[in-house]
Amino acid sequence: TISGYFVGWFRQAPGKEREFVAASQWNGNSPYYA
């Protein structure tokens, strides 16, 4: 189940490194954003 897992979103364009976009803590509180 996704419940209880810290999950992040990243993106990557050709020729570039993977870039942080957003993240959700395991309980869904206080999300993070680039």
PDB file of all heavy atoms in Angstrom:
ATOM      1  N   THR A   1       0.842  -1.186   0.000  1.00  0.00           N
ATOM      2  CA  THR A   1       0.000   0.000   0.000  1.00  0.00           C
ATOM      3  C   THR A   1       0.880   1.239   0.000  1.00  0.00           C
ATOM      4  O   THR A   1       1.982   1.235   0.552  1.00  0.00           O
ATOM      5  CB  THR A   1      -0.921   0.025   1.226  1.00  0.00           C
ATOM      6  OG1 THR A   1      -0.126   0.047   2.423  1.00  0.00           O
ATOM      7  CG2 THR A   1      -1.819  -1.201   1.262  1.00  0.00           C
ATOM      8  N   ILE A   2       0.404   2.314  -0.640  1.00  0.00           N
ATOM      9  CA  ILE A   2       1.163   3.550  -0.674  1.00  0.00           C
ATOM     10  C   ILE A   2       1.113   4.249   0.679  1.00  0.00           C
ATOM     11  O   ILE A   2       1.991   5.057   1.005  1.00  0.00           O
ATOM     12  CB  ILE A   2       0.626   4.478  -1.790  1.00  0.00           C
ATOM     13  CG1 ILE A   2       1.665   5.546  -2.145  1.00  0.00           C
ATOM     14  CG2 ILE A   2      -0.691   5.115  -1.365  1.00  0.00           C
ATOM     15  CD1 ILE A   2       2.870   4.990  -2.839  1.00  0.00           C
ATOM     16  N   SER A   3       0.101   3.917   1.458  1.00  0.00           N
ATOM     17  CA  SER A   3      -0.010   4.483   2.793  1.00  0.00           C
ATOM     18  C   SER A   3       1.217   4.132   3.627  1.00  0.00           C
ATOM     19  O   SER A   3       1.637   2.976   3.686  1.00  0.00           O
ATOM     20  CB  SER A   3      -1.274   3.963   3.485  1.00  0.00           C
ATOM     21  OG  SER A   3      -1.354   4.430   4.820  1.00  0.00           O
ATOM     22  N   GLY A   4       1.804   5.143   4.261  1.00  0.00           N
ATOM     23  CA  GLY A   4       2.962   4.915   5.093  1.00  0.00           C
ATOM     24  C   GLY A   4       4.292   5.085   4.385  1.00  0.00           C
ATOM     25  O   GLY A   4       5.339   4.913   5.011  1.00  0.00           O
ATOM     26  N   TYR A   5       4.281   5.426   3.091  1.00  0.00           N
ATOM     27  CA  TYR A   5       5.514   5.622   2.328  1.00  0.00           C
ATOM     28  C   TYR A   5       5.722   7.077   1.948  1.00  0.00           C
ATOM     29  O   TYR A   5       4.787   7.752   1.501  1.00  0.00           O
ATOM     30  CB  TYR A   5       5.516   4.773   1.054  1.00  0.00           C
ATOM     31  CG  TYR A   5       5.718   3.300   1.305  1.00  0.00           C
ATOM     32  CD1 TYR A   5       4.630   2.441   1.380  1.00  0.00           C
ATOM     33  CD2 TYR A   5       6.994   2.779   1.458  1.00  0.00           C
ATOM     34  CE1 TYR A   5       4.814   1.088   1.616  1.00  0.00           C
ATOM     35  CE2 TYR A   5       7.181   1.424   1.691  1.00  0.00           C
ATOM     36  CZ  TYR A   5       6.088   0.587   1.767  1.00  0.00           C
ATOM     37  OH  TYR A   5       6.281  -0.759   1.994  1.00  0.00           O
ATOM     38  N   PHE A   6       6.929   7.548   2.116  1.00  0.00           N
ATOM     39  CA  PHE A   6       7.343   8.859   1.654  1.00  0.00           C
ATOM     40  C   PHE A   6       7.506   8.776   0.137  1.00  0.00           C
ATOM     41  O   PHE A   6       8.231   7.910  -0.362  1.00  0.00           O
ATOM     42  CB  PHE A   6       8.675   9.241   2.314  1.00  0.00           C
ATOM     43  CG  PHE A   6       9.074  10.674   2.172  1.00  0.00           C
ATOM     44  CD1 PHE A   6       9.064  11.526   3.271  1.00  0.00           C
ATOM     45  CD2 PHE A   6       9.482  11.178   0.950  1.00  0.00           C
ATOM     46  CE1 PHE A   6       9.451  12.844   3.146  1.00  0.00           C
ATOM     47  CE2 PHE A   6       9.868  12.502   0.817  1.00  0.00           C
ATOM     48  CZ  PHE A   6       9.848  13.334   1.929  1.00  0.00           C
ATOM     49  N   VAL A   7       6.842   9.654  -0.601  1.00  0.00           N
ATOM     50  CA  VAL A   7       6.861   9.599  -2.060  1.00  0.00           C
ATOM     51  C   VAL A   7       7.260  10.947  -2.639  1.00  0.00           C
ATOM     52  O   VAL A   7       6.748  11.987  -2.220  1.00  0.00           O
ATOM     53  CB  VAL A   7       5.492   9.180  -2.624  1.00  0.00           C
ATOM     54  CG1 VAL A   7       5.498   9.236  -4.148  1.00  0.00           C
ATOM     55  CG2 VAL A   7       5.126   7.781  -2.148  1.00  0.00           C
ATOM     56  N   GLY A   8       8.157  10.912  -3.600  1.00  0.00           N
ATOM     57  CA  GLY A   8       8.594  12.126  -4.268  1.00  0.00           C
ATOM     58  C   GLY A   8       8.346  12.062  -5.763  1.00  0.00           C
ATOM     59  O   GLY A   8       8.272  10.977  -6.349  1.00  0.00           O
ATOM     60  N   TRP A   9       8.204  13.232  -6.355  1.00  0.00           N
ATOM     61  CA  TRP A   9       8.113  13.369  -7.813  1.00  0.00           C
ATOM     62  C   TRP A   9       9.364  14.066  -8.320  1.00  0.00           C
ATOM     63  O   TRP A   9       9.779  15.091  -7.758  1.00  0.00           O
ATOM     64  CB  TRP A   9       6.888  14.179  -8.236  1.00  0.00           C
ATOM     65  CG  TRP A   9       5.592  13.433  -8.214  1.00  0.00           C
ATOM     66  CD1 TRP A   9       4.663  13.427  -7.230  1.00  0.00           C
ATOM     67  CD2 TRP A   9       5.067  12.599  -9.256  1.00  0.00           C
ATOM     68  NE1 TRP A   9       3.585  12.643  -7.577  1.00  0.00           N
ATOM     69  CE2 TRP A   9       3.810  12.116  -8.814  1.00  0.00           C
ATOM     70  CE3 TRP A   9       5.538  12.206 -10.513  1.00  0.00           C
ATOM     71  CZ2 TRP A   9       3.022  11.268  -9.595  1.00  0.00           C
ATOM     72  CZ3 TRP A   9       4.752  11.353 -11.279  1.00  0.00           C
ATOM     73  CH2 TRP A   9       3.518  10.896 -10.819  1.00  0.00           C
ATOM     74  N   PHE A  10       9.957  13.518  -9.366  1.00  0.00           N
ATOM     75  CA  PHE A  10      11.117  14.092 -10.025  1.00  0.00           C
ATOM     76  C   PHE A  10      10.844  14.164 -11.513  1.00  0.00           C
ATOM     77  O   PHE A  10       9.952  13.479 -12.022  1.00  0.00           O
ATOM     78  CB  PHE A  10      12.375  13.250  -9.769  1.00  0.00           C
ATOM     79  CG  PHE A  10      12.908  13.335  -8.372  1.00  0.00           C
ATOM     80  CD1 PHE A  10      12.286  12.663  -7.332  1.00  0.00           C
ATOM     81  CD2 PHE A  10      14.036  14.087  -8.087  1.00  0.00           C
ATOM     82  CE1 PHE A  10      12.772  12.738  -6.042  1.00  0.00           C
ATOM     83  CE2 PHE A  10      14.539  14.172  -6.799  1.00  0.00           C
ATOM     84  CZ  PHE A  10      13.910  13.503  -5.776  1.00  0.00           C
ATOM     85  N   ARG A  11      11.620  14.977 -12.208  1.00  0.00           N
ATOM     86  CA  ARG A  11      11.488  15.049 -13.655  1.00  0.00           C
ATOM     87  C   ARG A  11      12.868  15.130 -14.281  1.00  0.00           C
ATOM     88  O   ARG A  11      13.824  15.595 -13.666  1.00  0.00           O
ATOM     89  CB  ARG A  11      10.636  16.247 -14.081  1.00  0.00           C
ATOM     90  CG  ARG A  11      11.211  17.609 -13.722  1.00  0.00           C
ATOM     91  CD  ARG A  11      10.196  18.699 -14.011  1.00  0.00           C
ATOM     92  NE  ARG A  11      10.706  20.031 -13.730  1.00  0.00           N
ATOM     93  CZ  ARG A  11       9.973  21.135 -13.781  1.00  0.00           C
ATOM     94  NH1 ARG A  11       8.686  21.069 -14.109  1.00  0.00           N
ATOM     95  NH2 ARG A  11      10.532  22.309 -13.503  1.00  0.00           N
ATOM     96  N   GLN A  12      12.963  14.667 -15.511  1.00  0.00           N
ATOM     97  CA  GLN A  12      14.235  14.664 -16.207  1.00  0.00           C
ATOM     98  C   GLN A  12      14.025  14.953 -17.685  1.00  0.00           C
ATOM     99  O   GLN A  12      13.287  14.247 -18.364  1.00  0.00           O
ATOM    100  CB  GLN A  12      14.947  13.324 -16.031  1.00  0.00           C
ATOM    101  CG  GLN A  12      16.360  13.294 -16.579  1.00  0.00           C
ATOM    102  CD  GLN A  12      17.137  12.076 -16.109  1.00  0.00           C
ATOM    103  OE1 GLN A  12      16.556  11.042 -15.787  1.00  0.00           O
ATOM    104  NE2 GLN A  12      18.452  12.195 -16.061  1.00  0.00           N
ATOM    105  N   ALA A  13      14.677  16.006 -18.152  1.00  0.00           N
ATOM    106  CA  ALA A  13      14.665  16.362 -19.558  1.00  0.00           C
ATOM    107  C   ALA A  13      15.933  15.818 -20.205  1.00  0.00           C
ATOM    108  O   ALA A  13      16.935  15.587 -19.525  1.00  0.00           O
ATOM    109  CB  ALA A  13      14.589  17.881 -19.720  1.00  0.00           C
ATOM    110  N   PRO A  14      15.925  15.603 -21.520  1.00  0.00           N
ATOM    111  CA  PRO A  14      17.108  15.074 -22.198  1.00  0.00           C
ATOM    112  C   PRO A  14      18.350  15.916 -21.933  1.00  0.00           C
ATOM    113  O   PRO A  14      18.316  17.138 -22.031  1.00  0.00           O
ATOM    114  CB  PRO A  14      16.712  15.130 -23.675  1.00  0.00           C
ATOM    115  CG  PRO A  14      15.221  14.992 -23.651  1.00  0.00           C
ATOM    116  CD  PRO A  14      14.793  15.775 -22.442  1.00  0.00           C
ATOM    117  N   GLY A  15      19.442  15.250 -21.568  1.00  0.00           N
ATOM    118  CA  GLY A  15      20.694  15.940 -21.316  1.00  0.00           C
ATOM    119  C   GLY A  15      20.800  16.606 -19.963  1.00  0.00           C
ATOM    120  O   GLY A  15      21.812  17.249 -19.675  1.00  0.00           O
ATOM    121  N   LYS A  16      19.785  16.467 -19.119  1.00  0.00           N
ATOM    122  CA  LYS A  16      19.798  17.093 -17.808  1.00  0.00           C
ATOM    123  C   LYS A  16      19.667  16.047 -16.711  1.00  0.00           C
ATOM    124  O   LYS A  16      19.199  14.935 -16.945  1.00  0.00           O
ATOM    125  CB  LYS A  16      18.667  18.115 -17.680  1.00  0.00           C
ATOM    126  CG  LYS A  16      18.774  19.292 -18.631  1.00  0.00           C
ATOM    127  CD  LYS A  16      17.680  20.306 -18.368  1.00  0.00           C
ATOM    128  CE  LYS A  16      17.807  21.510 -19.278  1.00  0.00           C
ATOM    129  NZ  LYS A  16      16.737  22.515 -19.014  1.00  0.00           N
ATOM    130  N   GLU A  17      20.084  16.432 -15.515  1.00  0.00           N
ATOM    131  CA  GLU A  17      19.971  15.545 -14.374  1.00  0.00           C
ATOM    132  C   GLU A  17      18.535  15.509 -13.881  1.00  0.00           C
ATOM    133  O   GLU A  17      17.742  16.411 -14.148  1.00  0.00           O
ATOM    134  CB  GLU A  17      20.896  15.987 -13.245  1.00  0.00           C
ATOM    135  CG  GLU A  17      22.370  15.839 -13.549  1.00  0.00           C
ATOM    136  CD  GLU A  17      23.239  16.115 -12.336  1.00  0.00           C
ATOM    137  OE1 GLU A  17      22.756  16.784 -11.399  1.00  0.00           O
ATOM    138  OE2 GLU A  17      24.386  15.655 -12.320  1.00  0.00           O
ATOM    139  N   ARG A  18      18.225  14.452 -13.153  1.00  0.00           N
ATOM    140  CA  ARG A  18      16.906  14.327 -12.572  1.00  0.00           C
ATOM    141  C   ARG A  18      16.693  15.445 -11.550  1.00  0.00           C
ATOM    142  O   ARG A  18      17.527  15.672 -10.675  1.00  0.00           O
ATOM    143  CB  ARG A  18      16.757  12.950 -11.925  1.00  0.00           C
ATOM    144  CG  ARG A  18      15.322  12.512 -11.718  1.00  0.00           C
ATOM    145  CD  ARG A  18      15.231  10.988 -11.606  1.00  0.00           C
ATOM    146  NE  ARG A  18      15.570  10.335 -12.864  1.00  0.00           N
ATOM    147  CZ  ARG A  18      15.413   9.036 -13.089  1.00  0.00           C
ATOM    148  NH1 ARG A  18      14.934   8.243 -12.150  1.00  0.00           N
ATOM    149  NH2 ARG A  18      15.755   8.528 -14.261  1.00  0.00           N
ATOM    150  N   GLU A  19      15.562  16.125 -11.659  1.00  0.00           N
ATOM    151  CA  GLU A  19      15.271  17.311 -10.869  1.00  0.00           C
ATOM    152  C   GLU A  19      14.098  17.081  -9.929  1.00  0.00           C
ATOM    153  O   GLU A  19      13.054  16.559 -10.328  1.00  0.00           O
ATOM    154  CB  GLU A  19      14.974  18.480 -11.811  1.00  0.00           C
ATOM    155  CG  GLU A  19      14.525  19.761 -11.137  1.00  0.00           C
ATOM    156  CD  GLU A  19      14.044  20.795 -12.133  1.00  0.00           C
ATOM    157  OE1 GLU A  19      13.561  20.401 -13.221  1.00  0.00           O
ATOM    158  OE2 GLU A  19      14.160  22.000 -11.841  1.00  0.00           O
ATOM    159  N   PHE A  20      14.258  17.513  -8.689  1.00  0.00           N
ATOM    160  CA  PHE A  20      13.191  17.392  -7.706  1.00  0.00           C
ATOM    161  C   PHE A  20      12.015  18.288  -8.069  1.00  0.00           C
ATOM    162  O   PHE A  20      12.193  19.432  -8.486  1.00  0.00           O
ATOM    163  CB  PHE A  20      13.704  17.763  -6.316  1.00  0.00           C
ATOM    164  CG  PHE A  20      12.618  17.867  -5.283  1.00  0.00           C
ATOM    165  CD1 PHE A  20      12.011  16.734  -4.781  1.00  0.00           C
ATOM    166  CD2 PHE A  20      12.213  19.102  -4.817  1.00  0.00           C
ATOM    167  CE1 PHE A  20      11.006  16.823  -3.826  1.00  0.00           C
ATOM    168  CE2 PHE A  20      11.215  19.211  -3.862  1.00  0.00           C
ATOM    169  CZ  PHE A  20      10.610  18.063  -3.373  1.00  0.00           C
ATOM    170  N   VAL A  21      10.806  17.770  -7.894  1.00  0.00           N
ATOM    171  CA  VAL A  21       9.594  18.526  -8.182  1.00  0.00           C
ATOM    172  C   VAL A  21       8.753  18.715  -6.921  1.00  0.00           C
ATOM    173  O   VAL A  21       8.429  19.842  -6.542  1.00  0.00           O
ATOM    174  CB  VAL A  21       8.738  17.834  -9.262  1.00  0.00           C
ATOM    175  CG1 VAL A  21       7.431  18.595  -9.483  1.00  0.00           C
ATOM    176  CG2 VAL A  21       9.520  17.725 -10.563  1.00  0.00           C
ATOM    177  N   ALA A  22       8.382  17.624  -6.276  1.00  0.00           N
ATOM    178  CA  ALA A  22       7.528  17.683  -5.094  1.00  0.00           C
ATOM    179  C   ALA A  22       7.658  16.392  -4.312  1.00  0.00           C
ATOM    180  O   ALA A  22       8.088  15.365  -4.846  1.00  0.00           O
ATOM    181  CB  ALA A  22       6.066  17.924  -5.488  1.00  0.00           C
ATOM    182  N   ALA A  23       7.274  16.428  -3.048  1.00  0.00           N
ATOM    183  CA  ALA A  23       7.331  15.225  -2.225  1.00  0.00           C
ATOM    184  C   ALA A  23       6.224  15.242  -1.189  1.00  0.00           C
ATOM    185  O   ALA A  23       5.825  16.307  -0.704  1.00  0.00           O
ATOM    186  CB  ALA A  23       8.686  15.092  -1.537  1.00  0.00           C
ATOM    187  N   SER A  24       5.749  14.060  -0.860  1.00  0.00           N
ATOM    188  CA  SER A  24       4.706  13.877   0.135  1.00  0.00           C
ATOM    189  C   SER A  24       5.229  12.991   1.255  1.00  0.00           C
ATOM    190  O   SER A  24       5.709  11.890   1.002  1.00  0.00           O
ATOM    191  CB  SER A  24       3.467  13.241  -0.506  1.00  0.00           C
ATOM    192  OG  SER A  24       2.496  12.907   0.473  1.00  0.00           O
ATOM    193  N   GLN A  25       5.132  13.470   2.483  1.00  0.00           N
ATOM    194  CA  GLN A  25       5.526  12.660   3.622  1.00  0.00           C
ATOM    195  C   GLN A  25       4.604  11.460   3.755  1.00  0.00           C
ATOM    196  O   GLN A  25       3.496  11.442   3.201  1.00  0.00           O
ATOM    197  CB  GLN A  25       5.508  13.497   4.898  1.00  0.00           C
ATOM    198  CG  GLN A  25       6.512  14.631   4.900  1.00  0.00           C
ATOM    199  CD  GLN A  25       6.653  15.262   6.266  1.00  0.00           C
ATOM    200  OE1 GLN A  25       7.179  14.639   7.195  1.00  0.00           O
ATOM    201  NE2 GLN A  25       6.186  16.497   6.403  1.00  0.00           N
ATOM    202  N   TRP A  26       5.045  10.475   4.501  1.00  0.00           N
ATOM    203  CA  TRP A  26       4.284   9.232   4.580  1.00  0.00           C
ATOM    204  C   TRP A  26       2.870   9.429   5.101  1.00  0.00           C
ATOM    205  O   TRP A  26       1.964   8.661   4.745  1.00  0.00           O
ATOM    206  CB  TRP A  26       5.030   8.200   5.440  1.00  0.00           C
ATOM    207  CG  TRP A  26       5.113   8.541   6.905  1.00  0.00           C
ATOM    208  CD1 TRP A  26       6.133   9.191   7.545  1.00  0.00           C
ATOM    209  CD2 TRP A  26       4.151   8.230   7.908  1.00  0.00           C
ATOM    210  NE1 TRP A  26       5.853   9.302   8.884  1.00  0.00           N
ATOM    211  CE2 TRP A  26       4.642   8.714   9.134  1.00  0.00           C
ATOM    212  CE3 TRP A  26       2.915   7.579   7.894  1.00  0.00           C
ATOM    213  CZ2 TRP A  26       3.940   8.578  10.332  1.00  0.00           C
ATOM    214  CZ3 TRP A  26       2.211   7.434   9.088  1.00  0.00           C
ATOM    215  CH2 TRP A  26       2.730   7.936  10.289  1.00  0.00           C
ATOM    216  N   ASN A  27       2.655  10.461   5.922  1.00  0.00           N
ATOM    217  CA  ASN A  27       1.327  10.728   6.452  1.00  0.00           C
ATOM    218  C   ASN A  27       0.585  11.804   5.664  1.00  0.00           C
ATOM    219  O   ASN A  27      -0.528  12.180   6.029  1.00  0.00           O
ATOM    220  CB  ASN A  27       1.401  11.111   7.926  1.00  0.00           C
ATOM    221  CG  ASN A  27       2.290  12.310   8.184  1.00  0.00           C
ATOM    222  OD1 ASN A  27       2.700  13.004   7.250  1.00  0.00           O
ATOM    223  ND2 ASN A  27       2.593  12.571   9.439  1.00  0.00           N
ATOM    224  N   GLY A  28       1.199  12.312   4.597  1.00  0.00           N
ATOM    225  CA  GLY A  28       0.573  13.307   3.755  1.00  0.00           C
ATOM    226  C   GLY A  28       0.671  14.734   4.250  1.00  0.00           C
ATOM    227  O   GLY A  28       0.200  15.656   3.572  1.00  0.00           O
ATOM    228  N   ASN A  29       1.282  14.939   5.381  1.00  0.00           N
ATOM    229  CA  ASN A  29       1.387  16.270   5.958  1.00  0.00           C
ATOM    230  C   ASN A  29       2.570  17.049   5.390  1.00  0.00           C
ATOM    231  O   ASN A  29       3.577  16.469   4.988  1.00  0.00           O
ATOM    232  CB  ASN A  29       1.531  16.189   7.474  1.00  0.00           C
ATOM    233  CG  ASN A  29       0.308  15.616   8.155  1.00  0.00           C
ATOM    234  OD1 ASN A  29      -0.804  15.698   7.635  1.00  0.00           O
ATOM    235  ND2 ASN A  29       0.505  15.015   9.319  1.00  0.00           N
ATOM    236  N   SER A  30       2.429  18.370   5.376  1.00  0.00           N
ATOM    237  CA  SER A  30       3.506  19.291   5.012  1.00  0.00           C
ATOM    238  C   SER A  30       4.264  18.870   3.754  1.00  0.00           C
ATOM    239  O   SER A  30       5.444  18.510   3.819  1.00  0.00           O
ATOM    240  CB  SER A  30       4.486  19.433   6.179  1.00  0.00           C
ATOM    241  OG  SER A  30       3.835  19.888   7.342  1.00  0.00           O
ATOM    242  N   PRO A  31       3.619  18.898   2.601  1.00  0.00           N
ATOM    243  CA  PRO A  31       4.317  18.537   1.360  1.00  0.00           C
ATOM    244  C   PRO A  31       5.417  19.530   1.008  1.00  0.00           C
ATOM    245  O   PRO A  31       5.391  20.691   1.436  1.00  0.00           O
ATOM    246  CB  PRO A  31       3.200  18.547   0.316  1.00  0.00           C
ATOM    247  CG  PRO A  31       2.186  19.506   0.862  1.00  0.00           C
ATOM    248  CD  PRO A  31       2.214  19.289   2.344  1.00  0.00           C
ATOM    249  N   TYR A  32       6.368  19.067   0.208  1.00  0.00           N
ATOM    250  CA  TYR A  32       7.484  19.894  -0.221  1.00  0.00           C
ATOM    251  C   TYR A  32       7.393  20.165  -1.717  1.00  0.00           C
ATOM    252  O   TYR A  32       6.939  19.314  -2.487  1.00  0.00           O
ATOM    253  CB  TYR A  32       8.811  19.188   0.069  1.00  0.00           C
ATOM    254  CG  TYR A  32       9.016  18.797   1.515  1.00  0.00           C
ATOM    255  CD1 TYR A  32       8.740  17.502   1.941  1.00  0.00           C
ATOM    256  CD2 TYR A  32       9.487  19.717   2.441  1.00  0.00           C
ATOM    257  CE1 TYR A  32       8.928  17.136   3.268  1.00  0.00           C
ATOM    258  CE2 TYR A  32       9.675  19.355   3.766  1.00  0.00           C
ATOM    259  CZ  TYR A  32       9.396  18.069   4.174  1.00  0.00           C
ATOM    260  OH  TYR A  32       9.581  17.704   5.487  1.00  0.00           O
ATOM    261  N   TYR A  33       7.866  21.350  -2.135  1.00  0.00           N
ATOM    262  CA  TYR A  33       7.836  21.717  -3.544  1.00  0.00           C
ATOM    263  C   TYR A  33       9.116  22.431  -3.940  1.00  0.00           C
ATOM    264  O   TYR A  33       9.689  23.196  -3.159  1.00  0.00           O
ATOM    265  CB  TYR A  33       6.662  22.643  -3.854  1.00  0.00           C
ATOM    266  CG  TYR A  33       5.311  22.038  -3.596  1.00  0.00           C
ATOM    267  CD1 TYR A  33       4.622  22.296  -2.419  1.00  0.00           C
ATOM    268  CD2 TYR A  33       4.719  21.199  -4.539  1.00  0.00           C
ATOM    269  CE1 TYR A  33       3.376  21.730  -2.187  1.00  0.00           C
ATOM    270  CE2 TYR A  33       3.481  20.634  -4.311  1.00  0.00           C
ATOM    271  CZ  TYR A  33       2.809  20.901  -3.132  1.00  0.00           C
ATOM    272  OH  TYR A  33       1.581  20.339  -2.902  1.00  0.00           O
ATOM    273  N   ALA A  34       9.545  22.183  -5.164  1.00  0.00           N
ATOM    274  CA  ALA A  34      10.642  22.955  -5.724  1.00  0.00           C
ATOM    275  C   ALA A  34      10.151  24.371  -5.981  1.00  0.00           C
ATOM    276  O   ALA A  34       8.970  24.587  -6.283  1.00  0.00           O
ATOM    277  CB  ALA A  34      11.130  22.320  -7.019  1.00  0.00           C
TER     278      ALA A  34
END
